[in-house]
């Protein structure tokens, strides 16, 4: 029995083929090559159809739609959208415990000795929510969606540039109620996206930076992570109230919702659009 060649298998995977498709076996190379040509032709036709549907009817990619859906849900919850700089300072990362001795420091894209591309949204949000609380002396609910950058492993679930949506509410819940509020937000976010409770689970994990977290997992893959304070990092930022926050990985979430195995299909790309390859 013979299987698809490495090149054929890669092409099938590129065209959204399943593991079952890739691992098919044949009695002869002629039978295999004939099956490959037929399969590739059908898959290309399907990809073209989906791209045409995107251009003619949808006009919005899945990742953008997921982000917008979460934004609309959050604004309905009383959150305000903020936009902060992509470039942050070394001192801001140090306040997140990520100094030159921290292993995460190796994943940072440094621009020079003092500045880098942000690997997370939290540093800026700490500053903004603190200042808004100072100005209003009232609870603050804000969120941001934007690019973050890390020198990741470039595996099926990681990219150097990815989109995060972080929401955080400061002084809005009583001490002791943070976990319940975090779980409520997690359930509501999935409800907004049309994900049933049977399709995801909440998992308690330990984070290098945030300590105890409550993660949202779909098919065993983490798509969002929630944390809360008071937290040992808070004093570094002049924050002394309770807070609850959740960070969503937009491409990972889109990948999970589409039951895809490759995150790059749904990220910023000139190779794929809305999960479909462009080399067809």
Protein backbone atom coordinates (compact mmCIF):
# COMPACT_ATOMS: atom_id res chain seq x y z
CA UNK A 1 0.00 0.00 0.00
CA UNK A 2 1.21 3.55 -0.74
CA UNK A 3 0.30 6.88 0.79
CA UNK A 4 0.34 10.43 -0.53
CA UNK A 5 3.80 11.93 -1.01
CA UNK A 6 4.98 14.59 1.41
CA UNK A 7 4.22 17.29 -1.16
CA UNK A 8 0.76 15.90 -1.87
CA UNK A 9 -0.03 15.59 1.85
CA UNK A 10 1.06 19.17 2.47
CA UNK A 11 -1.13 20.39 -0.39
CA UNK A 12 -4.15 18.50 0.93
CA UNK A 13 -3.60 19.99 4.38
CA UNK A 14 -3.23 23.45 2.87
CA UNK A 15 -6.59 23.00 1.16
CA UNK A 16 -8.33 22.17 4.47
CA UNK A 17 -8.06 18.42 4.05
CA UNK A 18 -8.61 16.26 7.11
CA UNK A 19 -6.18 13.81 8.71
CA UNK A 20 -8.31 11.05 7.23
CA UNK A 21 -7.83 12.55 3.76
CA UNK A 22 -4.07 12.87 4.22
CA UNK A 23 -3.62 9.30 5.52
CA UNK A 24 -5.51 7.53 2.74
CA UNK A 25 -3.81 4.44 1.32
CA UNK A 26 -3.74 3.11 -2.24
CA UNK A 27 -2.64 -0.04 -3.98
CA UNK A 28 -0.57 1.70 -6.67
CA UNK A 29 1.11 5.07 -7.22
CA UNK A 30 -1.06 5.58 -10.29
CA UNK A 31 -4.22 5.16 -8.20
CA UNK A 32 -2.80 7.52 -5.57
CA UNK A 33 -1.89 10.23 -8.07
CA UNK A 34 -5.26 10.01 -9.76
CA UNK A 35 -7.02 10.32 -6.39
CA UNK A 36 -4.83 13.29 -5.47
CA UNK A 37 -5.65 15.17 -8.68
CA UNK A 38 -9.37 14.60 -8.18
CA UNK A 39 -9.23 15.59 -4.49
CA UNK A 40 -7.17 18.73 -5.17
CA UNK A 41 -9.56 19.83 -7.92
CA UNK A 42 -12.60 19.44 -5.66
CA UNK A 43 -10.92 21.20 -2.74
CA UNK A 44 -9.80 24.12 -4.92
CA UNK A 45 -13.34 24.46 -6.23
CA UNK A 46 -14.68 24.55 -2.65
CA UNK A 47 -12.11 27.16 -1.56
CA UNK A 48 -12.92 29.36 -4.55
CA UNK A 49 -16.62 29.08 -3.71
CA UNK A 50 -16.01 30.20 -0.11
CA UNK A 51 -13.80 33.11 -1.16
CA UNK A 52 -16.43 34.23 -3.65
CA UNK A 53 -19.07 34.05 -0.90
CA UNK A 54 -16.85 36.21 1.33
CA UNK A 55 -16.38 38.84 -1.37
CA UNK A 56 -19.97 38.87 -2.63
CA UNK A 57 -22.00 38.42 0.54
CA UNK A 58 -20.19 38.24 3.90
CA UNK A 59 -17.70 41.10 3.38
CA UNK A 60 -16.10 40.28 6.75
CA UNK A 61 -13.68 37.52 7.73
CA UNK A 62 -14.41 35.15 10.59
CA UNK A 63 -11.74 36.62 12.86
CA UNK A 64 -13.01 40.16 12.43
CA UNK A 65 -16.57 38.98 12.99
CA UNK A 66 -15.61 37.19 16.23
CA UNK A 67 -13.90 40.35 17.48
CA UNK A 68 -16.86 42.56 16.57
CA UNK A 69 -19.33 40.18 18.22
CA UNK A 70 -17.36 40.32 21.46
CA UNK A 71 -17.07 44.11 21.22
CA UNK A 72 -20.83 44.49 20.81
CA UNK A 73 -21.46 42.15 23.73
CA UNK A 74 -19.06 44.08 25.97
CA UNK A 75 -20.54 47.46 25.09
CA UNK A 76 -23.92 45.99 25.97
CA UNK A 77 -22.41 45.10 29.34
CA UNK A 78 -21.40 48.75 29.84
CA UNK A 79 -17.73 48.48 28.79
CA UNK A 80 -15.97 51.29 26.92
CA UNK A 81 -13.50 50.56 24.12
CA UNK A 82 -10.04 52.08 24.44
CA UNK A 83 -7.08 52.10 22.05
CA UNK A 84 -3.53 52.19 23.41
CA UNK A 85 -0.01 52.18 21.87
CA UNK A 86 1.51 49.04 20.36
CA UNK A 87 4.98 50.11 21.54
CA UNK A 88 5.59 49.90 25.29
CA UNK A 89 8.62 50.38 27.51
CA UNK A 90 10.96 47.94 29.22
CA UNK A 91 9.89 49.40 32.57
CA UNK A 92 6.25 48.51 31.88
CA UNK A 93 7.19 44.89 31.20
CA UNK A 94 9.30 44.82 34.36
CA UNK A 95 6.21 45.83 36.34
CA UNK A 96 4.61 42.66 34.95
CA UNK A 97 7.63 40.73 36.39
CA UNK A 98 9.02 40.24 32.88
CA UNK A 99 12.61 41.47 33.33
CA UNK A 100 15.80 40.33 31.59
CA UNK A 101 15.94 37.20 33.76
CA UNK A 102 12.37 36.08 33.02
CA UNK A 103 12.03 33.35 30.37
CA UNK A 104 9.25 35.32 28.62
CA UNK A 105 11.78 38.08 27.93
CA UNK A 106 13.22 35.92 25.15
CA UNK A 107 9.86 36.06 23.35
CA UNK A 108 9.75 39.87 23.27
CA UNK A 109 10.38 41.80 20.05
CA UNK A 110 12.73 44.53 21.29
CA UNK A 111 12.98 47.70 19.21
CA UNK A 112 15.88 49.07 21.23
CA UNK A 113 17.15 48.86 24.81
CA UNK A 114 14.10 50.61 26.25
CA UNK A 115 11.14 49.81 23.95
CA UNK A 116 9.42 46.76 22.49
CA UNK A 117 6.30 45.65 20.65
CA UNK A 118 3.76 44.76 23.32
CA UNK A 119 3.49 41.02 24.03
CA UNK A 120 0.24 41.65 25.95
CA UNK A 121 -2.40 44.36 26.47
CA UNK A 122 -2.35 44.34 30.28
CA UNK A 123 0.37 46.98 30.96
CA UNK A 124 -1.48 49.73 29.11
CA UNK A 125 -4.86 48.69 30.53
CA UNK A 126 -3.50 48.86 34.06
CA UNK A 127 -2.56 52.52 33.49
CA UNK A 128 -5.80 53.49 31.74
CA UNK A 129 -8.17 51.87 34.25
CA UNK A 130 -6.23 53.37 37.17
CA UNK A 131 -6.44 56.88 35.74
CA UNK A 132 -10.11 56.60 34.82
CA UNK A 133 -10.89 55.42 38.36
CA UNK A 134 -8.92 58.36 39.76
CA UNK A 135 -10.77 60.86 37.57
CA UNK A 136 -14.30 59.53 38.14
CA UNK A 137 -13.98 57.85 41.53
CA UNK A 138 -16.42 55.29 40.11
CA UNK A 139 -16.13 51.67 38.90
CA UNK A 140 -14.45 51.39 35.50
CA UNK A 141 -15.21 48.90 32.70
CA UNK A 142 -12.97 49.05 29.64
CA UNK A 143 -11.73 46.76 26.86
CA UNK A 144 -9.21 46.85 24.05
CA UNK A 145 -8.70 44.73 20.94
CA UNK A 146 -5.40 44.85 19.11
CA UNK A 147 -2.22 43.17 17.96
CA UNK A 148 0.31 41.63 20.32
CA UNK A 149 3.72 40.22 19.37
CA UNK A 150 5.72 37.26 20.68
CA UNK A 151 8.51 35.12 19.32
CA UNK A 152 6.40 32.00 19.58
CA UNK A 153 7.18 28.44 18.48
CA UNK A 154 5.23 28.96 15.23
CA UNK A 155 3.27 25.79 15.84
CA UNK A 156 -0.31 25.11 14.82
CA UNK A 157 -1.65 27.28 17.68
CA UNK A 158 0.88 30.14 17.75
CA UNK A 159 1.87 33.15 15.64
CA UNK A 160 4.36 35.98 16.03
CA UNK A 161 1.57 38.55 15.61
CA UNK A 162 -1.84 37.78 17.04
CA UNK A 163 -4.96 39.65 18.11
CA UNK A 164 -6.03 39.89 21.74
CA UNK A 165 -9.21 41.30 23.22
CA UNK A 166 -8.89 42.13 26.91
CA UNK A 167 -11.77 43.34 29.04
CA UNK A 168 -11.35 44.48 32.63
CA UNK A 169 -13.64 45.92 35.28
CA UNK A 170 -12.17 47.78 38.25
CA UNK A 171 -13.94 48.25 41.60
CA UNK A 172 -17.13 46.79 40.16
CA UNK A 173 -17.42 43.67 42.34
CA UNK A 174 -17.05 42.97 46.05
CA UNK A 175 -13.97 41.16 47.29
CA UNK A 176 -14.82 37.48 47.26
CA UNK A 177 -17.14 37.73 44.24
CA UNK A 178 -14.39 37.98 41.61
CA UNK A 179 -14.35 34.33 40.54
CA UNK A 180 -18.11 34.21 40.12
CA UNK A 181 -18.05 37.39 38.04
CA UNK A 182 -15.23 35.98 35.92
CA UNK A 183 -17.21 32.80 35.29
CA UNK A 184 -20.31 34.86 34.45
CA UNK A 185 -18.37 36.86 31.87
CA UNK A 186 -16.90 33.67 30.42
CA UNK A 187 -20.32 32.09 30.00
CA UNK A 188 -21.81 35.29 28.58
CA UNK A 189 -19.01 35.68 26.05
CA UNK A 190 -19.55 32.17 24.73
CA UNK A 191 -23.30 32.74 24.64
CA UNK A 192 -22.74 35.90 22.56
CA UNK A 193 -20.73 33.82 20.08
CA UNK A 194 -23.38 31.13 19.92
CA UNK A 195 -21.25 28.49 21.66
CA UNK A 196 -23.29 26.11 23.83
CA UNK A 197 -22.12 25.11 27.32
CA UNK A 198 -21.53 21.57 26.05
CA UNK A 199 -18.92 22.87 23.59
CA UNK A 200 -16.53 24.48 26.09
CA UNK A 201 -15.32 24.16 29.67
CA UNK A 202 -13.83 26.44 32.32
CA UNK A 203 -10.48 25.24 33.66
CA UNK A 204 -8.46 26.61 36.60
CA UNK A 205 -4.78 27.01 35.69
CA UNK A 206 -1.61 28.61 37.08
CA UNK A 207 -0.11 31.43 34.97
CA UNK A 208 3.51 32.61 35.07
CA UNK A 209 2.43 36.25 35.25
CA UNK A 210 -1.14 36.28 36.57
CA UNK A 211 -1.16 33.46 39.13
CA UNK A 212 -4.46 31.56 39.30
CA UNK A 213 -6.55 31.89 36.14
CA UNK A 214 -9.86 30.58 34.85
CA UNK A 215 -9.44 29.55 31.23
CA UNK A 216 -12.03 28.89 28.54
CA UNK A 217 -11.19 25.77 26.55
CA UNK A 218 -12.82 24.48 23.38
CA UNK A 219 -11.87 20.90 22.46
CA UNK A 220 -9.00 21.10 24.93
CA UNK A 221 -7.54 24.30 23.45
CA UNK A 222 -7.34 27.47 25.54
CA UNK A 223 -9.11 30.33 23.74
CA UNK A 224 -9.40 32.81 26.64
CA UNK A 225 -7.98 33.29 30.11
CA UNK A 226 -9.47 35.22 33.02
CA UNK A 227 -7.71 36.59 36.10
CA UNK A 228 -8.64 38.83 39.00
CA UNK A 229 -7.36 41.06 41.79
CA UNK A 230 -6.34 42.10 44.33
CA UNK A 231 -3.20 40.65 42.80
CA UNK A 232 0.48 40.84 43.72
CA UNK A 233 1.14 42.95 40.59
CA UNK A 234 -1.43 45.63 41.47
CA UNK A 235 0.70 47.75 43.80
CA UNK A 236 3.27 48.21 41.00
CA UNK A 237 0.57 50.06 39.06
CA UNK A 238 -1.07 51.95 41.90
CA UNK A 239 -4.21 49.79 41.76
CA UNK A 240 -5.81 48.86 45.08
CA UNK A 241 -9.40 47.89 44.22
CA UNK A 242 -10.84 44.57 43.19
CA UNK A 243 -10.80 43.81 39.47
CA UNK A 244 -11.78 41.07 37.06
CA UNK A 245 -10.49 40.61 33.53
CA UNK A 246 -10.54 38.17 30.60
CA UNK A 247 -8.22 38.03 27.61
CA UNK A 248 -9.46 36.38 24.39
CA UNK A 249 -7.15 35.11 21.65
CA UNK A 250 -9.21 36.11 18.61
CA UNK A 251 -7.48 33.90 16.03
CA UNK A 252 -7.44 30.89 18.36
CA UNK A 253 -11.10 31.39 19.12
CA UNK A 254 -11.93 31.64 15.41
CA UNK A 255 -9.82 28.57 14.72
CA UNK A 256 -11.68 26.61 17.40
CA UNK A 257 -15.11 27.74 16.21
CA UNK A 258 -14.24 26.59 12.69
CA UNK A 259 -12.76 23.29 13.96
CA UNK A 260 -9.52 24.09 12.15
CA UNK A 261 -6.11 22.71 13.10
CA UNK A 262 -4.04 25.71 11.94
CA UNK A 263 -4.26 29.18 13.47
CA UNK A 264 -2.44 30.88 10.57
CA UNK A 265 -5.54 30.50 8.41
CA UNK A 266 -7.34 33.06 10.56
CA UNK A 267 -4.57 35.54 11.39
CA UNK A 268 -3.14 38.55 9.58
CA UNK A 269 -1.91 36.96 6.37
CA UNK A 270 -1.14 37.33 2.68
CA UNK A 271 -1.31 33.53 2.29
CA UNK A 272 -4.82 32.82 3.62
CA UNK A 273 -8.08 34.72 3.77
CA UNK A 274 -10.91 33.66 6.06
CA UNK A 275 -9.43 30.17 6.39
CA UNK A 276 -8.94 29.65 2.65
CA UNK A 277 -5.55 29.48 0.85
CA UNK A 278 -4.83 32.10 -1.80
CA UNK A 279 -2.59 29.86 -3.95
CA UNK A 280 -5.47 28.17 -5.76
